[in-house]
């Protein structure tokens, strides 16, 4: 019997993106609500994706087998 293939966790794929250098990016929190009161620099910062913290990196990579 061969080794079973791991299935990709679809909800995780929708929330994280893998770059060419194998970094995991996530969407910045607090991006969709009450943006009009924020200043320009903060609004621009919210538009950028942020890198995933190293403690969560290992767990997310298990859910997305193609990211290794």
PDB file of N, CA and C in Angstrom:
ATOM      1  N   UNK A   1       0.828  -1.188   0.000  1.00  0.00           N
ATOM      2  CA  UNK A   1       0.000   0.000   0.000  1.00  0.00           C
ATOM      3  C   UNK A   1       0.874   1.253   0.000  1.00  0.00           C
ATOM      4  N   UNK A   2       0.497   2.209  -0.819  1.00  0.00           N
ATOM      5  CA  UNK A   2       1.270   3.445  -0.901  1.00  0.00           C
ATOM      6  C   UNK A   2       0.910   4.435   0.190  1.00  0.00           C
ATOM      7  N   UNK A   3       1.691   5.458   0.251  1.00  0.00           N
ATOM      8  CA  UNK A   3       1.454   6.513   1.234  1.00  0.00           C
ATOM      9  C   UNK A   3       0.272   7.375   0.783  1.00  0.00           C
ATOM     10  N   UNK A   4      -0.600   7.710   1.721  1.00  0.00           N
ATOM     11  CA  UNK A   4      -1.756   8.525   1.370  1.00  0.00           C
ATOM     12  C   UNK A   4      -1.357   9.976   1.150  1.00  0.00           C
ATOM     13  N   UNK A   5      -2.010  10.610   0.173  1.00  0.00           N
ATOM     14  CA  UNK A   5      -1.759  12.027  -0.070  1.00  0.00           C
ATOM     15  C   UNK A   5      -2.552  12.860   0.922  1.00  0.00           C
ATOM     16  N   UNK A   6      -1.960  13.967   1.365  1.00  0.00           N
ATOM     17  CA  UNK A   6      -2.664  14.869   2.269  1.00  0.00           C
ATOM     18  C   UNK A   6      -3.571  15.792   1.473  1.00  0.00           C
ATOM     19  N   UNK A   7      -4.783  15.982   1.977  1.00  0.00           N
ATOM     20  CA  UNK A   7      -5.698  16.908   1.317  1.00  0.00           C
ATOM     21  C   UNK A   7      -5.408  18.332   1.784  1.00  0.00           C
ATOM     22  N   UNK A   8      -5.620  19.272   0.883  1.00  0.00           N
ATOM     23  CA  UNK A   8      -5.433  20.679   1.196  1.00  0.00           C
ATOM     24  C   UNK A   8      -6.649  21.185   1.960  1.00  0.00           C
ATOM     25  N   UNK A   9      -6.420  21.928   3.032  1.00  0.00           N
ATOM     26  CA  UNK A   9      -7.500  22.540   3.805  1.00  0.00           C
ATOM     27  C   UNK A   9      -7.935  23.810   3.074  1.00  0.00           C
ATOM     28  N   UNK A  10      -9.128  23.775   2.483  1.00  0.00           N
ATOM     29  CA  UNK A  10      -9.563  24.830   1.567  1.00  0.00           C
ATOM     30  C   UNK A  10      -9.731  26.191   2.244  1.00  0.00           C
ATOM     31  N   UNK A  11     -10.195  26.197   3.491  1.00  0.00           N
ATOM     32  CA  UNK A  11     -10.367  27.475   4.199  1.00  0.00           C
ATOM     33  C   UNK A  11      -9.021  28.148   4.441  1.00  0.00           C
ATOM     34  N   UNK A  12      -7.993  27.350   4.686  1.00  0.00           N
ATOM     35  CA  UNK A  12      -6.652  27.894   4.903  1.00  0.00           C
ATOM     36  C   UNK A  12      -6.093  28.485   3.612  1.00  0.00           C
ATOM     37  N   UNK A  13      -6.343  27.826   2.501  1.00  0.00           N
ATOM     38  CA  UNK A  13      -5.856  28.312   1.204  1.00  0.00           C
ATOM     39  C   UNK A  13      -6.454  29.678   0.882  1.00  0.00           C
ATOM     40  N   UNK A  14      -7.714  29.889   1.282  1.00  0.00           N
ATOM     41  CA  UNK A  14      -8.368  31.169   1.011  1.00  0.00           C
ATOM     42  C   UNK A  14      -7.816  32.306   1.872  1.00  0.00           C
ATOM     43  N   UNK A  15      -7.234  31.976   3.020  1.00  0.00           N
ATOM     44  CA  UNK A  15      -6.782  33.002   3.955  1.00  0.00           C
ATOM     45  C   UNK A  15      -5.294  33.336   3.868  1.00  0.00           C
ATOM     46  N   UNK A  16      -4.497  32.430   3.320  1.00  0.00           N
ATOM     47  CA  UNK A  16      -3.051  32.629   3.279  1.00  0.00           C
ATOM     48  C   UNK A  16      -2.540  32.471   1.861  1.00  0.00           C
ATOM     49  N   UNK A  17      -1.401  33.140   1.586  1.00  0.00           N
ATOM     50  CA  UNK A  17      -0.792  33.084   0.267  1.00  0.00           C
ATOM     51  C   UNK A  17       0.679  32.752   0.443  1.00  0.00           C
ATOM     52  N   UNK A  18       1.202  31.884  -0.418  1.00  0.00           N
ATOM     53  CA  UNK A  18       2.611  31.500  -0.356  1.00  0.00           C
ATOM     54  C   UNK A  18       3.361  32.249  -1.450  1.00  0.00           C
ATOM     55  N   UNK A  19       4.450  32.920  -1.074  1.00  0.00           N
ATOM     56  CA  UNK A  19       5.242  33.670  -2.042  1.00  0.00           C
ATOM     57  C   UNK A  19       6.232  32.737  -2.739  1.00  0.00           C
ATOM     58  N   UNK A  20       6.968  33.282  -3.682  1.00  0.00           N
ATOM     59  CA  UNK A  20       7.963  32.491  -4.407  1.00  0.00           C
ATOM     60  C   UNK A  20       9.089  32.028  -3.487  1.00  0.00           C
ATOM     61  N   UNK A  21       9.363  32.802  -2.429  1.00  0.00           N
ATOM     62  CA  UNK A  21      10.405  32.435  -1.463  1.00  0.00           C
ATOM     63  C   UNK A  21       9.866  31.608  -0.307  1.00  0.00           C
ATOM     64  N   UNK A  22       8.666  31.058  -0.478  1.00  0.00           N
ATOM     65  CA  UNK A  22       8.018  30.167   0.508  1.00  0.00           C
ATOM     66  C   UNK A  22       7.613  30.871   1.799  1.00  0.00           C
ATOM     67  N   UNK A  23       7.432  32.189   1.764  1.00  0.00           N
ATOM     68  CA  UNK A  23       6.905  32.899   2.929  1.00  0.00           C
ATOM     69  C   UNK A  23       5.384  32.821   2.889  1.00  0.00           C
ATOM     70  N   UNK A  24       4.757  32.827   4.062  1.00  0.00           N
ATOM     71  CA  UNK A  24       3.303  32.834   4.145  1.00  0.00           C
ATOM     72  C   UNK A  24       2.823  34.243   4.468  1.00  0.00           C
ATOM     73  N   UNK A  25       1.894  34.746   3.659  1.00  0.00           N
ATOM     74  CA  UNK A  25       1.335  36.066   3.880  1.00  0.00           C
ATOM     75  C   UNK A  25      -0.126  35.946   4.269  1.00  0.00           C
ATOM     76  N   UNK A  26      -0.568  36.842   5.160  1.00  0.00           N
ATOM     77  CA  UNK A  26      -1.970  36.873   5.554  1.00  0.00           C
ATOM     78  C   UNK A  26      -2.491  38.285   5.369  1.00  0.00           C
ATOM     79  N   UNK A  27      -3.790  38.419   5.363  1.00  0.00           N
ATOM     80  CA  UNK A  27      -4.404  39.720   5.225  1.00  0.00           C
ATOM     81  C   UNK A  27      -4.283  40.475   6.546  1.00  0.00           C
ATOM     82  N   UNK A  28      -4.061  41.767   6.467  1.00  0.00           N
ATOM     83  CA  UNK A  28      -3.940  42.570   7.675  1.00  0.00           C
ATOM     84  C   UNK A  28      -5.285  42.638   8.389  1.00  0.00           C
ATOM     85  N   UNK A  29      -5.272  42.537   9.712  1.00  0.00           N
ATOM     86  CA  UNK A  29      -6.504  42.542  10.494  1.00  0.00           C
ATOM     87  C   UNK A  29      -7.122  43.937  10.531  1.00  0.00           C
ATOM     88  N   UNK A  30      -8.442  44.000  10.673  1.00  0.00           N
ATOM     89  CA  UNK A  30      -9.147  45.272  10.821  1.00  0.00           C
ATOM     90  C   UNK A  30      -9.185  46.094   9.561  1.00  0.00           C
ATOM     91  N   UNK A  31      -9.298  45.457   8.427  1.00  0.00           N
ATOM     92  CA  UNK A  31      -9.161  46.138   7.150  1.00  0.00           C
ATOM     93  C   UNK A  31     -10.487  46.631   6.569  1.00  0.00           C
ATOM     94  N   UNK A  32     -11.592  46.048   6.973  1.00  0.00           N
ATOM     95  CA  UNK A  32     -12.848  46.285   6.268  1.00  0.00           C
ATOM     96  C   UNK A  32     -13.800  47.266   6.939  1.00  0.00           C
ATOM     97  N   UNK A  33     -13.550  47.648   8.186  1.00  0.00           N
ATOM     98  CA  UNK A  33     -14.571  48.377   8.921  1.00  0.00           C
ATOM     99  C   UNK A  33     -13.988  49.648   9.530  1.00  0.00           C
ATOM    100  N   UNK A  34     -14.720  50.734   9.448  1.00  0.00           N
ATOM    101  CA  UNK A  34     -14.330  52.028  10.027  1.00  0.00           C
ATOM    102  C   UNK A  34     -12.990  52.521   9.489  1.00  0.00           C
ATOM    103  N   UNK A  35     -12.839  52.528   8.188  1.00  0.00           N
ATOM    104  CA  UNK A  35     -11.580  52.976   7.597  1.00  0.00           C
ATOM    105  C   UNK A  35     -11.530  54.483   7.383  1.00  0.00           C
ATOM    106  N   UNK A  36     -12.671  55.146   7.381  1.00  0.00           N
ATOM    107  CA  UNK A  36     -12.689  56.580   7.077  1.00  0.00           C
ATOM    108  C   UNK A  36     -12.033  57.411   8.173  1.00  0.00           C
ATOM    109  N   UNK A  37     -12.044  56.917   9.399  1.00  0.00           N
ATOM    110  CA  UNK A  37     -11.445  57.689  10.493  1.00  0.00           C
ATOM    111  C   UNK A  37      -9.933  57.504  10.596  1.00  0.00           C
ATOM    112  N   UNK A  38      -9.380  56.542   9.875  1.00  0.00           N
ATOM    113  CA  UNK A  38      -7.935  56.318   9.906  1.00  0.00           C
ATOM    114  C   UNK A  38      -7.210  57.320   9.015  1.00  0.00           C
ATOM    115  N   UNK A  39      -5.990  57.645   9.384  1.00  0.00           N
ATOM    116  CA  UNK A  39      -5.165  58.541   8.589  1.00  0.00           C
ATOM    117  C   UNK A  39      -4.614  57.791   7.371  1.00  0.00           C
ATOM    118  N   UNK A  40      -4.041  58.540   6.443  1.00  0.00           N
ATOM    119  CA  UNK A  40      -3.593  57.977   5.178  1.00  0.00           C
ATOM    120  C   UNK A  40      -2.552  56.889   5.297  1.00  0.00           C
ATOM    121  N   UNK A  41      -1.562  57.091   6.165  1.00  0.00           N
ATOM    122  CA  UNK A  41      -0.476  56.116   6.302  1.00  0.00           C
ATOM    123  C   UNK A  41      -1.017  54.797   6.842  1.00  0.00           C
ATOM    124  N   UNK A  42      -1.920  54.894   7.791  1.00  0.00           N
ATOM    125  CA  UNK A  42      -2.491  53.688   8.391  1.00  0.00           C
ATOM    126  C   UNK A  42      -3.376  52.944   7.388  1.00  0.00           C
ATOM    127  N   UNK A  43      -4.131  53.691   6.594  1.00  0.00           N
ATOM    128  CA  UNK A  43      -4.982  53.071   5.580  1.00  0.00           C
ATOM    129  C   UNK A  43      -4.138  52.343   4.541  1.00  0.00           C
ATOM    130  N   UNK A  44      -3.031  52.968   4.142  1.00  0.00           N
ATOM    131  CA  UNK A  44      -2.148  52.321   3.175  1.00  0.00           C
ATOM    132  C   UNK A  44      -1.525  51.057   3.765  1.00  0.00           C
ATOM    133  N   UNK A  45      -1.191  51.102   5.048  1.00  0.00           N
ATOM    134  CA  UNK A  45      -0.626  49.936   5.720  1.00  0.00           C
ATOM    135  C   UNK A  45      -1.606  48.787   5.810  1.00  0.00           C
ATOM    136  N   UNK A  46      -2.884  49.110   5.930  1.00  0.00           N
ATOM    137  CA  UNK A  46      -3.915  48.069   5.993  1.00  0.00           C
ATOM    138  C   UNK A  46      -4.077  47.351   4.652  1.00  0.00           C
ATOM    139  N   UNK A  47      -3.734  48.024   3.576  1.00  0.00           N
ATOM    140  CA  UNK A  47      -3.892  47.409   2.258  1.00  0.00           C
ATOM    141  C   UNK A  47      -2.835  46.347   1.986  1.00  0.00           C
ATOM    142  N   UNK A  48      -1.715  46.433   2.680  1.00  0.00           N
ATOM    143  CA  UNK A  48      -0.636  45.470   2.460  1.00  0.00           C
ATOM    144  C   UNK A  48      -0.873  44.190   3.231  1.00  0.00           C
ATOM    145  N   UNK A  49      -0.458  43.083   2.659  1.00  0.00           N
ATOM    146  CA  UNK A  49      -0.494  41.815   3.377  1.00  0.00           C
ATOM    147  C   UNK A  49       0.673  41.777   4.351  1.00  0.00           C
ATOM    148  N   UNK A  50       0.470  41.097   5.468  1.00  0.00           N
ATOM    149  CA  UNK A  50       1.550  40.994   6.440  1.00  0.00           C
ATOM    150  C   UNK A  50       2.023  39.552   6.524  1.00  0.00           C
ATOM    151  N   UNK A  51       3.261  39.389   6.926  1.00  0.00           N
ATOM    152  CA  UNK A  51       3.852  38.055   7.004  1.00  0.00           C
ATOM    153  C   UNK A  51       3.327  37.328   8.234  1.00  0.00           C
ATOM    154  N   UNK A  52       3.123  36.043   8.091  1.00  0.00           N
ATOM    155  CA  UNK A  52       2.601  35.229   9.181  1.00  0.00           C
ATOM    156  C   UNK A  52       3.675  35.027  10.243  1.00  0.00           C
ATOM    157  N   UNK A  53       3.259  35.025  11.496  1.00  0.00           N
ATOM    158  CA  UNK A  53       4.193  34.848  12.609  1.00  0.00           C
ATOM    159  C   UNK A  53       4.786  33.443  12.567  1.00  0.00           C
ATOM    160  N   UNK A  54       6.020  33.313  12.996  1.00  0.00           N
ATOM    161  CA  UNK A  54       6.742  32.040  12.879  1.00  0.00           C
ATOM    162  C   UNK A  54       6.126  30.920  13.710  1.00  0.00           C
ATOM    163  N   UNK A  55       5.432  31.267  14.802  1.00  0.00           N
ATOM    164  CA  UNK A  55       4.827  30.217  15.631  1.00  0.00           C
ATOM    165  C   UNK A  55       3.647  29.553  14.933  1.00  0.00           C
ATOM    166  N   UNK A  56       2.973  30.276  14.049  1.00  0.00           N
ATOM    167  CA  UNK A  56       1.831  29.720  13.322  1.00  0.00           C
ATOM    168  C   UNK A  56       2.239  29.091  11.995  1.00  0.00           C
ATOM    169  N   UNK A  57       3.435  29.395  11.552  1.00  0.00           N
ATOM    170  CA  UNK A  57       3.911  28.965  10.239  1.00  0.00           C
ATOM    171  C   UNK A  57       3.832  27.449  10.055  1.00  0.00           C
ATOM    172  N   UNK A  58       4.308  26.712  11.046  1.00  0.00           N
ATOM    173  CA  UNK A  58       4.359  25.253  10.962  1.00  0.00           C
ATOM    174  C   UNK A  58       2.956  24.643  10.859  1.00  0.00           C
ATOM    175  N   UNK A  59       2.012  25.182  11.634  1.00  0.00           N
ATOM    176  CA  UNK A  59       0.646  24.664  11.624  1.00  0.00           C
ATOM    177  C   UNK A  59      -0.051  24.901  10.291  1.00  0.00           C
ATOM    178  N   UNK A  60       0.159  26.068   9.713  1.00  0.00           N
ATOM    179  CA  UNK A  60      -0.483  26.392   8.441  1.00  0.00           C
ATOM    180  C   UNK A  60       0.106  25.541   7.320  1.00  0.00           C
ATOM    181  N   UNK A  61       1.400  25.297   7.360  1.00  0.00           N
ATOM    182  CA  UNK A  61       2.031  24.481   6.319  1.00  0.00           C
ATOM    183  C   UNK A  61       1.543  23.033   6.334  1.00  0.00           C
ATOM    184  N   UNK A  62       1.139  22.530   7.496  1.00  0.00           N
ATOM    185  CA  UNK A  62       0.560  21.187   7.568  1.00  0.00           C
ATOM    186  C   UNK A  62      -0.780  21.130   6.850  1.00  0.00           C
ATOM    187  N   UNK A  63      -1.543  22.222   6.933  1.00  0.00           N
ATOM    188  CA  UNK A  63      -2.861  22.273   6.312  1.00  0.00           C
ATOM    189  C   UNK A  63      -2.784  22.506   4.809  1.00  0.00           C
ATOM    190  N   UNK A  64      -1.653  23.065   4.356  1.00  0.00           N
ATOM    191  CA  UNK A  64      -1.456  23.329   2.926  1.00  0.00           C
ATOM    192  C   UNK A  64      -0.216  22.566   2.482  1.00  0.00           C
ATOM    193  N   UNK A  65      -0.353  21.303   2.105  1.00  0.00           N
ATOM    194  CA  UNK A  65       0.815  20.480   1.802  1.00  0.00           C
ATOM    195  C   UNK A  65       1.653  20.971   0.618  1.00  0.00           C
ATOM    196  N   UNK A  66       1.060  21.700  -0.321  1.00  0.00           N
ATOM    197  CA  UNK A  66       1.797  22.166  -1.495  1.00  0.00           C
ATOM    198  C   UNK A  66       2.699  23.352  -1.198  1.00  0.00           C
ATOM    199  N   UNK A  67       2.641  23.904   0.015  1.00  0.00           N
ATOM    200  CA  UNK A  67       3.417  25.103   0.339  1.00  0.00           C
ATOM    201  C   UNK A  67       4.852  24.792   0.733  1.00  0.00           C
ATOM    202  N   UNK A  68       5.210  23.530   0.893  1.00  0.00           N
ATOM    203  CA  UNK A  68       6.560  23.168   1.352  1.00  0.00           C
ATOM    204  C   UNK A  68       7.579  23.249   0.254  1.00  0.00           C
TER     205      UNK A  68
END
